[in-house]
PDB file of all heavy atoms in Angstrom:
ATOM      1  N   LEU A   1      -3.944  -5.278  -4.891  1.00  0.00           N
ATOM      2  CA  LEU A   1      -3.296  -6.378  -5.610  1.00  0.00           C
ATOM      3  C   LEU A   1      -1.883  -5.940  -5.953  1.00  0.00           C
ATOM      4  O   LEU A   1      -1.702  -4.865  -6.533  1.00  0.00           O
ATOM      5  CB  LEU A   1      -4.027  -6.682  -6.918  1.00  0.00           C
ATOM      6  CG  LEU A   1      -5.330  -7.435  -6.842  1.00  0.00           C
ATOM      7  CD1 LEU A   1      -5.945  -7.551  -8.234  1.00  0.00           C
ATOM      8  CD2 LEU A   1      -5.113  -8.819  -6.267  1.00  0.00           C
ATOM      9  N   ALA A   2      -0.894  -6.762  -5.609  1.00  0.00           N
ATOM     10  CA  ALA A   2       0.479  -6.319  -5.824  1.00  0.00           C
ATOM     11  C   ALA A   2       1.427  -7.477  -6.075  1.00  0.00           C
ATOM     12  O   ALA A   2       1.227  -8.579  -5.566  1.00  0.00           O
ATOM     13  CB  ALA A   2       0.968  -5.542  -4.602  1.00  0.00           C
ATOM     14  N   PHE A   3       2.450  -7.183  -6.841  1.00  0.00           N
ATOM     15  CA  PHE A   3       3.602  -8.076  -6.899  1.00  0.00           C
ATOM     16  C   PHE A   3       4.354  -7.877  -5.592  1.00  0.00           C
ATOM     17  O   PHE A   3       4.342  -6.784  -5.021  1.00  0.00           O
ATOM     18  CB  PHE A   3       4.515  -7.710  -8.079  1.00  0.00           C
ATOM     19  CG  PHE A   3       3.903  -7.938  -9.425  1.00  0.00           C
ATOM     20  CD1 PHE A   3       3.549  -6.860 -10.222  1.00  0.00           C
ATOM     21  CD2 PHE A   3       3.677  -9.215  -9.904  1.00  0.00           C
ATOM     22  CE1 PHE A   3       2.986  -7.048 -11.471  1.00  0.00           C
ATOM     23  CE2 PHE A   3       3.116  -9.423 -11.161  1.00  0.00           C
ATOM     24  CZ  PHE A   3       2.768  -8.338 -11.936  1.00  0.00           C
ATOM     25  N   ASP A   4       5.010  -8.893  -5.107  1.00  0.00           N
ATOM     26  CA  ASP A   4       5.722  -8.792  -3.834  1.00  0.00           C
ATOM     27  C   ASP A   4       6.762  -7.665  -3.843  1.00  0.00           C
ATOM     28  O   ASP A   4       6.969  -7.012  -2.821  1.00  0.00           O
ATOM     29  CB  ASP A   4       6.367 -10.134  -3.479  1.00  0.00           C
ATOM     30  CG  ASP A   4       5.300 -11.164  -3.131  1.00  0.00           C
ATOM     31  OD1 ASP A   4       4.791 -11.126  -1.996  1.00  0.00           O
ATOM     32  OD2 ASP A   4       4.953 -11.987  -4.001  1.00  0.00           O
ATOM     33  N   CYS A   5       7.370  -7.413  -4.996  1.00  0.00           N
ATOM     34  CA  CYS A   5       8.382  -6.356  -5.085  1.00  0.00           C
ATOM     35  C   CYS A   5       7.793  -4.956  -4.956  1.00  0.00           C
ATOM     36  O   CYS A   5       8.524  -3.980  -4.786  1.00  0.00           O
ATOM     37  CB  CYS A   5       9.173  -6.474  -6.383  1.00  0.00           C
ATOM     38  SG  CYS A   5       8.177  -6.243  -7.878  1.00  0.00           S
ATOM     39  N   GLN A   6       6.480  -4.827  -4.989  1.00  0.00           N
ATOM     40  CA  GLN A   6       5.829  -3.523  -4.844  1.00  0.00           C
ATOM     41  C   GLN A   6       5.561  -3.165  -3.387  1.00  0.00           C
ATOM     42  O   GLN A   6       5.144  -2.046  -3.103  1.00  0.00           O
ATOM     43  CB  GLN A   6       4.498  -3.508  -5.600  1.00  0.00           C
ATOM     44  CG  GLN A   6       4.642  -3.568  -7.107  1.00  0.00           C
ATOM     45  CD  GLN A   6       3.274  -3.571  -7.750  1.00  0.00           C
ATOM     46  OE1 GLN A   6       2.670  -4.598  -7.972  1.00  0.00           O
ATOM     47  NE2 GLN A   6       2.782  -2.375  -8.028  1.00  0.00           N
ATOM     48  N   VAL A   7       5.770  -4.105  -2.476  1.00  0.00           N
ATOM     49  CA  VAL A   7       5.528  -3.851  -1.060  1.00  0.00           C
ATOM     50  C   VAL A   7       6.807  -3.278  -0.465  1.00  0.00           C
ATOM     51  O   VAL A   7       7.852  -3.937  -0.463  1.00  0.00           O
ATOM     52  CB  VAL A   7       5.090  -5.129  -0.320  1.00  0.00           C
ATOM     53  CG1 VAL A   7       4.812  -4.831   1.153  1.00  0.00           C
ATOM     54  CG2 VAL A   7       3.854  -5.730  -0.988  1.00  0.00           C
ATOM     55  N   ILE A   8       6.713  -2.034   0.012  1.00  0.00           N
ATOM     56  CA  ILE A   8       7.878  -1.340   0.550  1.00  0.00           C
ATOM     57  C   ILE A   8       7.625  -1.003   2.022  1.00  0.00           C
ATOM     58  O   ILE A   8       6.535  -1.227   2.537  1.00  0.00           O
ATOM     59  CB  ILE A   8       8.210  -0.070  -0.273  1.00  0.00           C
ATOM     60  CG1 ILE A   8       7.046   0.935  -0.232  1.00  0.00           C
ATOM     61  CG2 ILE A   8       8.540  -0.444  -1.721  1.00  0.00           C
ATOM     62  CD1 ILE A   8       7.338   2.269  -0.916  1.00  0.00           C
ATOM     63  N   ASP A   9       8.653  -0.478   2.693  1.00  0.00           N
ATOM     64  CA  ASP A   9       8.537  -0.168   4.119  1.00  0.00           C
ATOM     65  C   ASP A   9       7.463   0.868   4.414  1.00  0.00           C
ATOM     66  O   ASP A   9       6.693   0.719   5.356  1.00  0.00           O
ATOM     67  CB  ASP A   9       9.879   0.316   4.681  1.00  0.00           C
ATOM     68  CG  ASP A   9      10.897  -0.808   4.752  1.00  0.00           C
ATOM     69  OD1 ASP A   9      10.492  -1.979   4.795  1.00  0.00           O
ATOM     70  OD2 ASP A   9      12.104  -0.498   4.753  1.00  0.00           O
ATOM     71  N   GLU A  10       7.439   1.936   3.627  1.00  0.00           N
ATOM     72  CA  GLU A  10       6.468   2.995   3.900  1.00  0.00           C
ATOM     73  C   GLU A  10       6.086   3.725   2.622  1.00  0.00           C
ATOM     74  O   GLU A  10       6.950   4.173   1.878  1.00  0.00           O
ATOM     75  CB  GLU A  10       7.029   3.996   4.903  1.00  0.00           C
ATOM     76  CG  GLU A  10       6.041   5.068   5.275  1.00  0.00           C
ATOM     77  CD  GLU A  10       6.588   6.065   6.291  1.00  0.00           C
ATOM     78  OE1 GLU A  10       7.719   5.861   6.793  1.00  0.00           O
ATOM     79  OE2 GLU A  10       5.893   7.041   6.567  1.00  0.00           O
ATOM     80  N   VAL A  11       4.789   3.832   2.404  1.00  0.00           N
ATOM     81  CA  VAL A  11       4.269   4.602   1.290  1.00  0.00           C
ATOM     82  C   VAL A  11       3.861   5.970   1.835  1.00  0.00           C
ATOM     83  O   VAL A  11       3.148   6.036   2.842  1.00  0.00           O
ATOM     84  CB  VAL A  11       3.040   3.900   0.657  1.00  0.00           C
ATOM     85  CG1 VAL A  11       2.343   4.802  -0.347  1.00  0.00           C
ATOM     86  CG2 VAL A  11       3.463   2.596  -0.011  1.00  0.00           C
ATOM     87  N   PRO A  12       4.301   7.047   1.206  1.00  0.00           N
ATOM     88  CA  PRO A  12       3.892   8.368   1.677  1.00  0.00           C
ATOM     89  C   PRO A  12       2.390   8.554   1.493  1.00  0.00           C
ATOM     90  O   PRO A  12       1.861   8.303   0.417  1.00  0.00           O
ATOM     91  CB  PRO A  12       4.685   9.331   0.789  1.00  0.00           C
ATOM     92  CG  PRO A  12       5.079   8.534  -0.404  1.00  0.00           C
ATOM     93  CD  PRO A  12       5.165   7.108   0.035  1.00  0.00           C
ATOM     94  N   MET A  13       1.723   8.934   2.564  1.00  0.00           N
ATOM     95  CA  MET A  13       0.273   9.108   2.536  1.00  0.00           C
ATOM     96  C   MET A  13      -0.066  10.556   2.827  1.00  0.00           C
ATOM     97  O   MET A  13       0.553  11.179   3.690  1.00  0.00           O
ATOM     98  CB  MET A  13      -0.402   8.209   3.571  1.00  0.00           C
ATOM     99  CG  MET A  13      -0.201   6.715   3.358  1.00  0.00           C
ATOM    100  SD  MET A  13      -1.210   6.040   2.056  1.00  0.00           S
ATOM    101  CE  MET A  13      -2.811   6.019   2.854  1.00  0.00           C
ATOM    102  N   GLU A  14      -1.068  11.064   2.127  1.00  0.00           N
ATOM    103  CA  GLU A  14      -1.588  12.393   2.388  1.00  0.00           C
ATOM    104  C   GLU A  14      -2.963  12.261   3.021  1.00  0.00           C
ATOM    105  O   GLU A  14      -3.539  11.170   3.057  1.00  0.00           O
ATOM    106  CB  GLU A  14      -1.633  13.188   1.085  1.00  0.00           C
ATOM    107  CG  GLU A  14      -0.241  13.427   0.515  1.00  0.00           C
ATOM    108  CD  GLU A  14      -0.258  14.204  -0.787  1.00  0.00           C
ATOM    109  OE1 GLU A  14      -1.170  15.037  -0.980  1.00  0.00           O
ATOM    110  OE2 GLU A  14       0.644  13.973  -1.606  1.00  0.00           O
ATOM    111  N   GLU A  15      -3.493  13.352   3.511  1.00  0.00           N
ATOM    112  CA  GLU A  15      -4.746  13.338   4.250  1.00  0.00           C
ATOM    113  C   GLU A  15      -5.896  12.706   3.461  1.00  0.00           C
ATOM    114  O   GLU A  15      -6.718  11.990   4.010  1.00  0.00           O
ATOM    115  CB  GLU A  15      -5.112  14.773   4.646  1.00  0.00           C
ATOM    116  CG  GLU A  15      -6.237  14.856   5.642  1.00  0.00           C
ATOM    117  CD  GLU A  15      -6.460  16.274   6.107  1.00  0.00           C
ATOM    118  OE1 GLU A  15      -5.484  16.926   6.532  1.00  0.00           O
ATOM    119  OE2 GLU A  15      -7.614  16.713   6.028  1.00  0.00           O
ATOM    120  N   HIS A  16      -5.948  12.943   2.149  1.00  0.00           N
ATOM    121  CA  HIS A  16      -7.042  12.433   1.327  1.00  0.00           C
ATOM    122  C   HIS A  16      -6.849  10.985   0.880  1.00  0.00           C
ATOM    123  O   HIS A  16      -7.754  10.377   0.325  1.00  0.00           O
ATOM    124  CB  HIS A  16      -7.253  13.330   0.099  1.00  0.00           C
ATOM    125  CG  HIS A  16      -6.065  13.329  -0.820  1.00  0.00           C
ATOM    126  ND1 HIS A  16      -5.022  14.205  -0.654  1.00  0.00           N
ATOM    127  CD2 HIS A  16      -5.761  12.554  -1.887  1.00  0.00           C
ATOM    128  CE1 HIS A  16      -4.122  13.972  -1.594  1.00  0.00           C
ATOM    129  NE2 HIS A  16      -4.543  12.980  -2.352  1.00  0.00           N
ATOM    130  N   ASP A  17      -5.659  10.406   1.108  1.00  0.00           N
ATOM    131  CA  ASP A  17      -5.384   9.028   0.700  1.00  0.00           C
ATOM    132  C   ASP A  17      -6.096   8.046   1.636  1.00  0.00           C
ATOM    133  O   ASP A  17      -5.950   8.130   2.855  1.00  0.00           O
ATOM    134  CB  ASP A  17      -3.876   8.745   0.736  1.00  0.00           C
ATOM    135  CG  ASP A  17      -3.112   9.529  -0.314  1.00  0.00           C
ATOM    136  OD1 ASP A  17      -3.698   9.851  -1.370  1.00  0.00           O
ATOM    137  OD2 ASP A  17      -1.934   9.829  -0.072  1.00  0.00           O
ATOM    138  N   LEU A  18      -6.851   7.131   1.059  1.00  0.00           N
ATOM    139  CA  LEU A  18      -7.573   6.147   1.859  1.00  0.00           C
ATOM    140  C   LEU A  18      -6.729   4.879   2.006  1.00  0.00           C
ATOM    141  O   LEU A  18      -6.196   4.376   1.019  1.00  0.00           O
ATOM    142  CB  LEU A  18      -8.907   5.809   1.203  1.00  0.00           C
ATOM    143  CG  LEU A  18      -9.894   6.977   1.114  1.00  0.00           C
ATOM    144  CD1 LEU A  18     -11.124   6.567   0.329  1.00  0.00           C
ATOM    145  CD2 LEU A  18     -10.284   7.449   2.497  1.00  0.00           C
ATOM    146  N   PRO A  19      -6.613   4.356   3.219  1.00  0.00           N
ATOM    147  CA  PRO A  19      -5.811   3.144   3.416  1.00  0.00           C
ATOM    148  C   PRO A  19      -6.525   1.888   2.898  1.00  0.00           C
ATOM    149  O   PRO A  19      -7.749   1.823   2.863  1.00  0.00           O
ATOM    150  CB  PRO A  19      -5.638   3.081   4.941  1.00  0.00           C
ATOM    151  CG  PRO A  19      -6.824   3.807   5.474  1.00  0.00           C
ATOM    152  CD  PRO A  19      -7.157   4.875   4.468  1.00  0.00           C
ATOM    153  N   MET A  20      -5.733   0.917   2.516  1.00  0.00           N
ATOM    154  CA  MET A  20      -6.244  -0.382   2.098  1.00  0.00           C
ATOM    155  C   MET A  20      -6.522  -1.225   3.343  1.00  0.00           C
ATOM    156  O   MET A  20      -5.867  -1.054   4.358  1.00  0.00           O
ATOM    157  CB  MET A  20      -5.222  -1.116   1.221  1.00  0.00           C
ATOM    158  CG  MET A  20      -4.773  -0.346  -0.023  1.00  0.00           C
ATOM    159  SD  MET A  20      -6.107   0.017  -1.154  1.00  0.00           S
ATOM    160  CE  MET A  20      -6.574   1.658  -0.648  1.00  0.00           C
ATOM    161  N   GLU A  21      -7.461  -2.142   3.244  1.00  0.00           N
ATOM    162  CA  GLU A  21      -7.751  -3.046   4.354  1.00  0.00           C
ATOM    163  C   GLU A  21      -6.971  -4.357   4.236  1.00  0.00           C
ATOM    164  O   GLU A  21      -6.643  -4.976   5.234  1.00  0.00           O
ATOM    165  CB  GLU A  21      -9.232  -3.393   4.381  1.00  0.00           C
ATOM    166  CG  GLU A  21     -10.144  -2.233   4.652  1.00  0.00           C
ATOM    167  CD  GLU A  21     -11.577  -2.657   4.499  1.00  0.00           C
ATOM    168  OE1 GLU A  21     -12.160  -3.105   5.510  1.00  0.00           O
ATOM    169  OE2 GLU A  21     -12.100  -2.563   3.371  1.00  0.00           O
ATOM    170  N   TYR A  22      -6.727  -4.766   3.003  1.00  0.00           N
ATOM    171  CA  TYR A  22      -6.064  -6.036   2.742  1.00  0.00           C
ATOM    172  C   TYR A  22      -4.992  -5.830   1.690  1.00  0.00           C
ATOM    173  O   TYR A  22      -5.093  -4.943   0.839  1.00  0.00           O
ATOM    174  CB  TYR A  22      -7.052  -7.076   2.187  1.00  0.00           C
ATOM    175  CG  TYR A  22      -8.152  -7.463   3.126  1.00  0.00           C
ATOM    176  CD1 TYR A  22      -9.323  -6.715   3.196  1.00  0.00           C
ATOM    177  CD2 TYR A  22      -8.046  -8.593   3.933  1.00  0.00           C
ATOM    178  CE1 TYR A  22     -10.353  -7.072   4.047  1.00  0.00           C
ATOM    179  CE2 TYR A  22      -9.074  -8.959   4.787  1.00  0.00           C
ATOM    180  CZ  TYR A  22     -10.221  -8.193   4.842  1.00  0.00           C
ATOM    181  OH  TYR A  22     -11.232  -8.555   5.680  1.00  0.00           O
ATOM    182  N   LEU A  23      -3.994  -6.704   1.738  1.00  0.00           N
ATOM    183  CA  LEU A  23      -2.943  -6.741   0.731  1.00  0.00           C
ATOM    184  C   LEU A  23      -2.879  -8.167   0.211  1.00  0.00           C
ATOM    185  O   LEU A  23      -2.817  -9.114   1.010  1.00  0.00           O
ATOM    186  CB  LEU A  23      -1.609  -6.320   1.357  1.00  0.00           C
ATOM    187  CG  LEU A  23      -0.399  -6.216   0.449  1.00  0.00           C
ATOM    188  CD1 LEU A  23      -0.632  -5.201  -0.671  1.00  0.00           C
ATOM    189  CD2 LEU A  23       0.834  -5.810   1.260  1.00  0.00           C
ATOM    190  N   LEU A  24      -2.920  -8.333  -1.100  1.00  0.00           N
ATOM    191  CA  LEU A  24      -2.883  -9.657  -1.726  1.00  0.00           C
ATOM    192  C   LEU A  24      -1.664  -9.746  -2.619  1.00  0.00           C
ATOM    193  O   LEU A  24      -1.548  -9.002  -3.594  1.00  0.00           O
ATOM    194  CB  LEU A  24      -4.167  -9.892  -2.531  1.00  0.00           C
ATOM    195  CG  LEU A  24      -4.289 -11.204  -3.303  1.00  0.00           C
ATOM    196  CD1 LEU A  24      -4.142 -12.415  -2.389  1.00  0.00           C
ATOM    197  CD2 LEU A  24      -5.619 -11.257  -4.053  1.00  0.00           C
ATOM    198  N   THR A  25      -0.730 -10.640  -2.241  1.00  0.00           N
ATOM    199  CA  THR A  25       0.466 -10.890  -3.054  1.00  0.00           C
ATOM    200  C   THR A  25       0.651 -12.391  -3.220  1.00  0.00           C
ATOM    201  O   THR A  25       0.082 -13.187  -2.466  1.00  0.00           O
ATOM    202  CB  THR A  25       1.734 -10.300  -2.415  1.00  0.00           C
ATOM    203  OG1 THR A  25       2.041 -11.019  -1.221  1.00  0.00           O
ATOM    204  CG2 THR A  25       1.604  -8.814  -2.125  1.00  0.00           C
TER     205      THR A  25
END
């Protein structure tokens, strides 16, 4: 769940970070 201003080009991800399946703005 995000405000539109929170969506950026690239979020730094580490090996343990799980990706989201959906984005709701």
